[in-house]
Structure formats: C-alpha cells, structure tokens
Amino acid sequence: MGISEKIKILLIKRNMSQTELAEKCLKMTKNYFNNKLRQGRFSQEELKKIAEYLKATYNEDPPPRQWFTLNDTGEEI
C-alpha cells in the first residue's frame, strides 16, 4: 500500500475531506493536492504536517517503508 492510500485511509478514519486537508493543513488547492496524491509525491515535511493535523505520527523505517500511527488508538496504517 502506497502513501497516498494511507493518507486516504487516515482521512476516512478522521471523517475529513481531501479539500479540508489540502486547504487548511497544507495551504494548497484541492486540485494541486489531488495531483500530489495521484503521484504519491509528498515531502517529509508535508507528511509530518498531515500526520499532525490528523492526530497521528508519521513513521519511516527504513525508507521507503512509511506508515502512520493514530495517536489515540495506536493503530498503524
């Protein structure tokens, strides 16, 4: 599962839209965010911002293995 799918799962679990994440967290348009999501290209800084906004922790060990851990449940995605 790629990082884009993991972000989509996080959004579902947090009942949040892609538009809200793009505009409020990353300060980018929905279209630009969708392009990044489709390509699966996010910087480490963006992934950390996404995790913080969605109340999760971004983990990488070793690259390219990337995942998020929900802060309230400990569930790994």
C-alpha atoms as a PDB file:
ATOM      1  CA  MET A   1       0.000   0.000   0.000  1.00  0.00           C
ATOM      2  CA  GLY A   2       1.401   3.363  -1.029  1.00  0.00           C
ATOM      3  CA  ILE A   3       1.498   6.566   0.981  1.00  0.00           C
ATOM      4  CA  SER A   4      -1.460   8.025  -0.953  1.00  0.00           C
ATOM      5  CA  GLU A   5      -3.695   5.127   0.056  1.00  0.00           C
ATOM      6  CA  LYS A   6      -2.586   5.536   3.667  1.00  0.00           C
ATOM      7  CA  ILE A   7      -3.475   9.230   3.606  1.00  0.00           C
ATOM      8  CA  LYS A   8      -6.908   8.373   2.189  1.00  0.00           C
ATOM      9  CA  ILE A   9      -7.462   5.842   4.990  1.00  0.00           C
ATOM     10  CA  LEU A  10      -6.450   8.434   7.587  1.00  0.00           C
ATOM     11  CA  LEU A  11      -8.940  10.882   6.115  1.00  0.00           C
ATOM     12  CA  ILE A  12     -11.724   8.311   6.318  1.00  0.00           C
ATOM     13  CA  LYS A  13     -10.847   7.401   9.909  1.00  0.00           C
ATOM     14  CA  ARG A  14     -10.831  11.083  10.890  1.00  0.00           C
ATOM     15  CA  ASN A  15     -14.006  11.838   8.888  1.00  0.00           C
ATOM     16  CA  MET A  16     -12.233  14.588   6.980  1.00  0.00           C
ATOM     17  CA  SER A  17     -12.294  15.618   3.343  1.00  0.00           C
ATOM     18  CA  GLN A  18      -9.348  15.926   0.996  1.00  0.00           C
ATOM     19  CA  THR A  19     -10.336  19.547   0.447  1.00  0.00           C
ATOM     20  CA  GLU A  20     -10.100  20.362   4.151  1.00  0.00           C
ATOM     21  CA  LEU A  21      -6.706  18.689   4.457  1.00  0.00           C
ATOM     22  CA  ALA A  22      -5.391  20.441   1.354  1.00  0.00           C
ATOM     23  CA  GLU A  23      -6.620  23.912   2.194  1.00  0.00           C
ATOM     24  CA  LYS A  24      -6.373  24.071   5.987  1.00  0.00           C
ATOM     25  CA  CYS A  25      -3.350  21.900   6.655  1.00  0.00           C
ATOM     26  CA  LEU A  26      -1.156  22.148   3.581  1.00  0.00           C
ATOM     27  CA  LYS A  27      -2.350  25.554   2.323  1.00  0.00           C
ATOM     28  CA  MET A  28      -2.767  24.316  -1.256  1.00  0.00           C
ATOM     29  CA  THR A  29      -5.645  23.960  -3.652  1.00  0.00           C
ATOM     30  CA  LYS A  30      -7.657  20.763  -3.830  1.00  0.00           C
ATOM     31  CA  ASN A  31      -6.513  20.212  -7.435  1.00  0.00           C
ATOM     32  CA  TYR A  32      -2.832  20.545  -6.557  1.00  0.00           C
ATOM     33  CA  PHE A  33      -3.303  18.196  -3.602  1.00  0.00           C
ATOM     34  CA  ASN A  34      -5.122  15.672  -5.798  1.00  0.00           C
ATOM     35  CA  ASN A  35      -2.225  15.727  -8.271  1.00  0.00           C
ATOM     36  CA  LYS A  36       0.249  15.073  -5.457  1.00  0.00           C
ATOM     37  CA  LEU A  37      -1.996  12.320  -4.117  1.00  0.00           C
ATOM     38  CA  ARG A  38      -2.286  10.683  -7.534  1.00  0.00           C
ATOM     39  CA  GLN A  39       1.502  10.759  -7.963  1.00  0.00           C
ATOM     40  CA  GLY A  40       2.204   9.779  -4.361  1.00  0.00           C
ATOM     41  CA  ARG A  41       4.777  12.559  -4.066  1.00  0.00           C
ATOM     42  CA  PHE A  42       4.873  14.288  -0.720  1.00  0.00           C
ATOM     43  CA  SER A  43       7.851  15.780   1.065  1.00  0.00           C
ATOM     44  CA  GLN A  44       8.786  14.580   4.543  1.00  0.00           C
ATOM     45  CA  GLU A  45       7.634  17.961   5.861  1.00  0.00           C
ATOM     46  CA  GLU A  46       4.230  17.598   4.194  1.00  0.00           C
ATOM     47  CA  LEU A  47       3.789  14.079   5.556  1.00  0.00           C
ATOM     48  CA  LYS A  48       4.628  15.267   9.064  1.00  0.00           C
ATOM     49  CA  LYS A  49       2.125  18.145   8.731  1.00  0.00           C
ATOM     50  CA  ILE A  50      -0.544  15.726   7.513  1.00  0.00           C
ATOM     51  CA  ALA A  51       0.109  13.409  10.442  1.00  0.00           C
ATOM     52  CA  GLU A  52      -0.030  16.230  12.976  1.00  0.00           C
ATOM     53  CA  TYR A  53      -3.240  17.635  11.509  1.00  0.00           C
ATOM     54  CA  LEU A  54      -4.863  14.184  11.542  1.00  0.00           C
ATOM     55  CA  LYS A  55      -3.676  13.431  15.093  1.00  0.00           C
ATOM     56  CA  ALA A  56      -1.233  10.760  14.031  1.00  0.00           C
ATOM     57  CA  THR A  57       2.505  10.148  13.928  1.00  0.00           C
ATOM     58  CA  TYR A  58       4.419   9.749  10.686  1.00  0.00           C
ATOM     59  CA  ASN A  59       6.966   6.922  10.713  1.00  0.00           C
ATOM     60  CA  GLU A  60       9.622   5.861   8.235  1.00  0.00           C
ATOM     61  CA  ASP A  61      11.839   2.855   8.889  1.00  0.00           C
ATOM     62  CA  PRO A  62      13.744   2.089   6.722  1.00  0.00           C
ATOM     63  CA  PRO A  63      12.959   4.062   3.587  1.00  0.00           C
ATOM     64  CA  PRO A  64      10.789   3.582   1.606  1.00  0.00           C
ATOM     65  CA  ARG A  65       8.620   1.941   4.303  1.00  0.00           C
ATOM     66  CA  GLN A  66       6.289   4.666   5.515  1.00  0.00           C
ATOM     67  CA  TRP A  67       3.308   4.482   7.824  1.00  0.00           C
ATOM     68  CA  PHE A  68       1.159   6.477  10.202  1.00  0.00           C
ATOM     69  CA  THR A  69       0.198   5.626  13.764  1.00  0.00           C
ATOM     70  CA  LEU A  70      -3.056   7.050  15.133  1.00  0.00           C
ATOM     71  CA  ASN A  71      -2.227   8.853  18.377  1.00  0.00           C
ATOM     72  CA  ASP A  72      -5.471   7.969  20.130  1.00  0.00           C
ATOM     73  CA  THR A  73      -5.711   4.257  19.276  1.00  0.00           C
ATOM     74  CA  GLY A  74      -2.161   3.255  18.353  1.00  0.00           C
ATOM     75  CA  GLU A  75      -3.460   1.733  15.110  1.00  0.00           C
ATOM     76  CA  GLU A  76      -0.862   1.589  12.345  1.00  0.00           C
ATOM     77  CA  ILE A  77      -1.797   2.487   8.799  1.00  0.00           C
END
